Amino acid sequence: LLLFAGAARRIPLSTLGLLQYLTPVLQFLCGTVLLHEHMPAYRWAGFGLVWVALVVLTLDGLRSSRRRTGRAGGPDPGAGRTSPPREIVLDADGAPTR
């Protein structure tokens, strides 16, 4: 649990959320492939709907991140630039003026 907490701080939450689907998928594969458990049609439908939703979510996230960084998906040309510091002028009492 401590290792998970440490790793969770180092990756984006969107990635962590998608990784949370890994354990149920592995359990599903163990049940169906290794143990040959019966899978009714409504469970297949639910499983498919969840993965379709995850694909849509992932594609939307990729599209919006590309929109933020430009069409080519490269780095933002304005990244790292900062506006020049504003000069703060103090009045006779030491209070900043506008």
N, C-alpha and C. Protein backbone atom coordinates (compact mmCIF):
# COMPACT_ATOMS: atom_id res chain seq x y z
N LEU A 1 0.83 -1.19 0.00
CA LEU A 1 0.00 0.00 0.00
C LEU A 1 0.87 1.26 0.00
N LEU A 2 1.97 1.22 0.73
CA LEU A 2 2.87 2.37 0.74
C LEU A 2 3.52 2.58 -0.63
N LEU A 3 3.89 1.49 -1.30
CA LEU A 3 4.46 1.61 -2.63
C LEU A 3 3.44 2.17 -3.62
N PHE A 4 2.19 1.72 -3.50
CA PHE A 4 1.13 2.24 -4.37
C PHE A 4 0.94 3.73 -4.14
N ALA A 5 0.91 4.14 -2.90
CA ALA A 5 0.73 5.57 -2.58
C ALA A 5 1.89 6.39 -3.13
N GLY A 6 3.09 5.88 -3.02
CA GLY A 6 4.24 6.59 -3.56
C GLY A 6 4.19 6.70 -5.07
N ALA A 7 3.79 5.62 -5.73
CA ALA A 7 3.68 5.64 -7.18
C ALA A 7 2.53 6.52 -7.63
N ALA A 8 1.45 6.53 -6.89
CA ALA A 8 0.27 7.33 -7.27
C ALA A 8 0.58 8.82 -7.25
N ARG A 9 1.52 9.23 -6.44
CA ARG A 9 1.89 10.65 -6.40
C ARG A 9 2.72 11.05 -7.60
N ARG A 10 3.34 10.08 -8.25
CA ARG A 10 4.29 10.39 -9.32
C ARG A 10 3.69 10.33 -10.72
N ILE A 11 2.47 9.83 -10.86
CA ILE A 11 1.86 9.75 -12.19
C ILE A 11 0.59 10.58 -12.21
N PRO A 12 0.15 11.00 -13.40
CA PRO A 12 -1.10 11.77 -13.49
C PRO A 12 -2.29 10.94 -13.03
N LEU A 13 -3.28 11.60 -12.47
CA LEU A 13 -4.46 10.90 -11.99
C LEU A 13 -5.23 10.22 -13.11
N SER A 14 -5.19 10.78 -14.31
CA SER A 14 -5.88 10.14 -15.43
C SER A 14 -5.25 8.78 -15.73
N THR A 15 -3.94 8.69 -15.66
CA THR A 15 -3.25 7.42 -15.87
C THR A 15 -3.57 6.46 -14.74
N LEU A 16 -3.57 6.95 -13.53
CA LEU A 16 -3.89 6.11 -12.38
C LEU A 16 -5.30 5.54 -12.50
N GLY A 17 -6.23 6.37 -12.94
CA GLY A 17 -7.61 5.91 -13.10
C GLY A 17 -7.72 4.78 -14.11
N LEU A 18 -6.99 4.89 -15.22
CA LEU A 18 -7.03 3.81 -16.22
C LEU A 18 -6.34 2.56 -15.70
N LEU A 19 -5.29 2.73 -14.91
CA LEU A 19 -4.61 1.55 -14.34
C LEU A 19 -5.49 0.79 -13.36
N GLN A 20 -6.47 1.48 -12.78
CA GLN A 20 -7.36 0.82 -11.83
C GLN A 20 -8.22 -0.25 -12.51
N TYR A 21 -8.31 -0.20 -13.84
CA TYR A 21 -9.07 -1.21 -14.58
C TYR A 21 -8.25 -2.46 -14.85
N LEU A 22 -6.97 -2.43 -14.55
CA LEU A 22 -6.11 -3.55 -14.85
C LEU A 22 -6.46 -4.80 -14.02
N THR A 23 -6.68 -4.65 -12.75
CA THR A 23 -6.97 -5.80 -11.89
C THR A 23 -8.27 -6.50 -12.28
N PRO A 24 -9.39 -5.77 -12.47
CA PRO A 24 -10.60 -6.48 -12.89
C PRO A 24 -10.45 -7.18 -14.24
N VAL A 25 -9.69 -6.60 -15.15
CA VAL A 25 -9.50 -7.24 -16.45
C VAL A 25 -8.68 -8.53 -16.29
N LEU A 26 -7.66 -8.48 -15.46
CA LEU A 26 -6.87 -9.70 -15.22
C LEU A 26 -7.71 -10.78 -14.54
N GLN A 27 -8.57 -10.38 -13.62
CA GLN A 27 -9.46 -11.35 -12.98
C GLN A 27 -10.44 -11.93 -14.00
N PHE A 28 -10.95 -11.08 -14.88
CA PHE A 28 -11.86 -11.53 -15.93
C PHE A 28 -11.16 -12.55 -16.83
N LEU A 29 -9.92 -12.22 -17.24
CA LEU A 29 -9.20 -13.14 -18.10
C LEU A 29 -8.88 -14.47 -17.41
N CYS A 30 -8.53 -14.40 -16.13
CA CYS A 30 -8.29 -15.65 -15.37
C CYS A 30 -9.55 -16.51 -15.32
N GLY A 31 -10.69 -15.86 -15.06
CA GLY A 31 -11.94 -16.60 -14.97
C GLY A 31 -12.37 -17.22 -16.27
N THR A 32 -12.28 -16.46 -17.35
CA THR A 32 -12.78 -16.98 -18.63
C THR A 32 -11.78 -17.86 -19.35
N VAL A 33 -10.51 -17.49 -19.34
CA VAL A 33 -9.52 -18.23 -20.13
C VAL A 33 -8.96 -19.43 -19.35
N LEU A 34 -8.56 -19.18 -18.10
CA LEU A 34 -7.92 -20.26 -17.34
C LEU A 34 -8.91 -21.19 -16.67
N LEU A 35 -9.96 -20.64 -16.08
CA LEU A 35 -10.91 -21.45 -15.31
C LEU A 35 -12.16 -21.82 -16.09
N HIS A 36 -12.28 -21.32 -17.32
CA HIS A 36 -13.40 -21.63 -18.22
C HIS A 36 -14.76 -21.37 -17.58
N GLU A 37 -14.88 -20.25 -16.89
CA GLU A 37 -16.17 -19.89 -16.29
C GLU A 37 -17.13 -19.41 -17.37
N HIS A 38 -18.41 -19.70 -17.14
CA HIS A 38 -19.45 -19.28 -18.09
C HIS A 38 -19.66 -17.78 -17.97
N MET A 39 -19.77 -17.12 -19.13
CA MET A 39 -19.97 -15.67 -19.14
C MET A 39 -21.27 -15.39 -19.90
N PRO A 40 -22.34 -15.01 -19.15
CA PRO A 40 -23.61 -14.73 -19.83
C PRO A 40 -23.51 -13.50 -20.74
N ALA A 41 -24.44 -13.40 -21.66
CA ALA A 41 -24.41 -12.33 -22.65
C ALA A 41 -24.50 -10.94 -22.01
N TYR A 42 -25.28 -10.79 -20.94
CA TYR A 42 -25.41 -9.46 -20.33
C TYR A 42 -24.09 -9.01 -19.69
N ARG A 43 -23.27 -9.94 -19.22
CA ARG A 43 -21.96 -9.57 -18.68
C ARG A 43 -21.01 -9.16 -19.80
N TRP A 44 -21.08 -9.88 -20.93
CA TRP A 44 -20.27 -9.47 -22.08
C TRP A 44 -20.65 -8.07 -22.53
N ALA A 45 -21.95 -7.78 -22.54
CA ALA A 45 -22.42 -6.46 -22.95
C ALA A 45 -21.91 -5.39 -21.99
N GLY A 46 -22.00 -5.65 -20.71
CA GLY A 46 -21.49 -4.70 -19.71
C GLY A 46 -20.00 -4.48 -19.83
N PHE A 47 -19.26 -5.57 -20.03
CA PHE A 47 -17.82 -5.48 -20.20
C PHE A 47 -17.48 -4.65 -21.43
N GLY A 48 -18.18 -4.88 -22.51
CA GLY A 48 -17.95 -4.13 -23.74
C GLY A 48 -18.27 -2.65 -23.58
N LEU A 49 -19.38 -2.34 -22.89
CA LEU A 49 -19.76 -0.95 -22.69
C LEU A 49 -18.71 -0.19 -21.87
N VAL A 50 -18.19 -0.84 -20.86
CA VAL A 50 -17.16 -0.20 -20.04
C VAL A 50 -15.93 0.12 -20.89
N TRP A 51 -15.51 -0.81 -21.73
CA TRP A 51 -14.32 -0.57 -22.54
C TRP A 51 -14.56 0.42 -23.66
N VAL A 52 -15.77 0.46 -24.19
CA VAL A 52 -16.08 1.49 -25.18
C VAL A 52 -16.01 2.87 -24.52
N ALA A 53 -16.55 2.97 -23.31
CA ALA A 53 -16.49 4.25 -22.58
C ALA A 53 -15.04 4.65 -22.30
N LEU A 54 -14.20 3.69 -21.94
CA LEU A 54 -12.79 4.00 -21.69
C LEU A 54 -12.06 4.45 -22.95
N VAL A 55 -12.39 3.86 -24.07
CA VAL A 55 -11.77 4.28 -25.33
C VAL A 55 -12.21 5.70 -25.68
N VAL A 56 -13.50 5.99 -25.51
CA VAL A 56 -14.00 7.34 -25.78
C VAL A 56 -13.32 8.35 -24.85
N LEU A 57 -13.20 8.02 -23.58
CA LEU A 57 -12.55 8.90 -22.62
C LEU A 57 -11.09 9.15 -22.99
N THR A 58 -10.39 8.10 -23.38
CA THR A 58 -8.99 8.24 -23.76
C THR A 58 -8.83 9.09 -25.01
N LEU A 59 -9.65 8.84 -26.01
CA LEU A 59 -9.58 9.62 -27.25
C LEU A 59 -9.89 11.09 -26.99
N ASP A 60 -10.88 11.35 -26.14
CA ASP A 60 -11.21 12.73 -25.81
C ASP A 60 -10.06 13.42 -25.08
N GLY A 61 -9.43 12.70 -24.17
CA GLY A 61 -8.28 13.26 -23.46
C GLY A 61 -7.12 13.56 -24.39
N LEU A 62 -6.85 12.66 -25.33
CA LEU A 62 -5.78 12.89 -26.29
C LEU A 62 -6.11 14.07 -27.19
N ARG A 63 -7.35 14.15 -27.63
CA ARG A 63 -7.76 15.25 -28.51
C ARG A 63 -7.65 16.59 -27.79
N SER A 64 -8.09 16.65 -26.55
CA SER A 64 -8.02 17.92 -25.83
C SER A 64 -6.58 18.29 -25.48
N SER A 65 -5.72 17.31 -25.22
CA SER A 65 -4.31 17.65 -24.95
C SER A 65 -3.62 18.14 -26.21
N ARG A 66 -3.97 17.60 -27.35
CA ARG A 66 -3.41 18.09 -28.61
C ARG A 66 -3.90 19.48 -28.91
N ARG A 67 -5.14 19.75 -28.56
CA ARG A 67 -5.70 21.07 -28.80
C ARG A 67 -4.96 22.12 -27.97
N ARG A 68 -4.56 21.74 -26.75
CA ARG A 68 -3.83 22.67 -25.88
C ARG A 68 -2.41 22.90 -26.36
N THR A 69 -1.77 21.88 -26.93
CA THR A 69 -0.37 22.00 -27.32
C THR A 69 -0.19 22.30 -28.80
N GLY A 70 -1.23 22.43 -29.54
CA GLY A 70 -1.14 22.70 -30.98
C GLY A 70 -1.53 21.47 -31.77
N ARG A 71 -1.72 21.65 -33.06
CA ARG A 71 -2.19 20.55 -33.89
C ARG A 71 -1.19 19.42 -34.02
N ALA A 72 0.08 19.74 -34.09
CA ALA A 72 1.08 18.69 -34.29
C ALA A 72 1.34 17.87 -33.04
N GLY A 73 0.86 18.33 -31.91
CA GLY A 73 1.09 17.60 -30.68
C GLY A 73 2.45 17.89 -30.08
N GLY A 74 3.16 18.86 -30.65
CA GLY A 74 4.48 19.21 -30.15
C GLY A 74 4.37 20.10 -28.93
N PRO A 75 5.50 20.52 -28.42
CA PRO A 75 5.49 21.38 -27.24
C PRO A 75 4.87 22.74 -27.54
N ASP A 76 4.33 23.35 -26.55
CA ASP A 76 3.73 24.67 -26.68
C ASP A 76 4.84 25.67 -26.94
N PRO A 77 4.73 26.45 -28.06
CA PRO A 77 5.82 27.40 -28.35
C PRO A 77 5.96 28.48 -27.28
N GLY A 78 4.92 28.74 -26.54
CA GLY A 78 5.01 29.76 -25.49
C GLY A 78 5.39 29.20 -24.14
N ALA A 79 5.62 27.89 -24.07
CA ALA A 79 5.94 27.27 -22.79
C ALA A 79 7.30 27.76 -22.31
N GLY A 80 7.38 28.05 -21.05
CA GLY A 80 8.63 28.50 -20.45
C GLY A 80 8.80 30.00 -20.48
N ARG A 81 8.00 30.67 -21.29
CA ARG A 81 8.09 32.13 -21.33
C ARG A 81 7.24 32.71 -20.22
N THR A 82 7.75 33.74 -19.65
CA THR A 82 6.99 34.44 -18.63
C THR A 82 6.92 35.90 -19.00
N SER A 83 5.90 36.55 -18.53
CA SER A 83 5.81 37.98 -18.80
C SER A 83 6.84 38.70 -17.94
N PRO A 84 7.32 39.83 -18.41
CA PRO A 84 8.33 40.54 -17.61
C PRO A 84 7.74 40.98 -16.27
N PRO A 85 8.55 40.99 -15.24
CA PRO A 85 8.02 41.38 -13.93
C PRO A 85 7.55 42.83 -13.95
N ARG A 86 6.43 43.05 -13.30
CA ARG A 86 5.91 44.41 -13.21
C ARG A 86 6.63 45.15 -12.10
N GLU A 87 6.90 46.39 -12.36
CA GLU A 87 7.58 47.22 -11.37
C GLU A 87 6.55 47.65 -10.33
N ILE A 88 6.88 47.46 -9.09
CA ILE A 88 5.99 47.86 -8.01
C ILE A 88 6.48 49.21 -7.48
N VAL A 89 5.60 50.17 -7.55
CA VAL A 89 5.93 51.52 -7.09
C VAL A 89 5.25 51.75 -5.74
N LEU A 90 6.02 52.21 -4.78
CA LEU A 90 5.48 52.44 -3.45
C LEU A 90 5.25 53.93 -3.26
N ASP A 91 4.18 54.27 -2.54
CA ASP A 91 3.94 55.69 -2.24
C ASP A 91 4.73 56.06 -0.98
N ALA A 92 4.51 57.25 -0.46
CA ALA A 92 5.28 57.76 0.69
C ALA A 92 5.07 56.92 1.93
N ASP A 93 3.90 56.27 2.05
CA ASP A 93 3.62 55.44 3.22
C ASP A 93 4.14 54.01 3.06
N GLY A 94 4.69 53.67 1.91
CA GLY A 94 5.19 52.33 1.69
C GLY A 94 4.16 51.40 1.11
N ALA A 95 2.98 51.90 0.77
CA ALA A 95 1.93 51.07 0.19
C ALA A 95 2.10 51.05 -1.33
N PRO A 96 1.85 49.91 -1.97
CA PRO A 96 2.00 49.86 -3.42
C PRO A 96 0.92 50.70 -4.11
N THR A 97 1.32 51.36 -5.18
CA THR A 97 0.37 52.15 -5.96
C THR A 97 -0.04 51.35 -7.18
N ARG A 98 -1.12 51.71 -7.78
CA ARG A 98 -1.60 51.00 -8.96
C ARG A 98 -1.25 51.72 -10.21
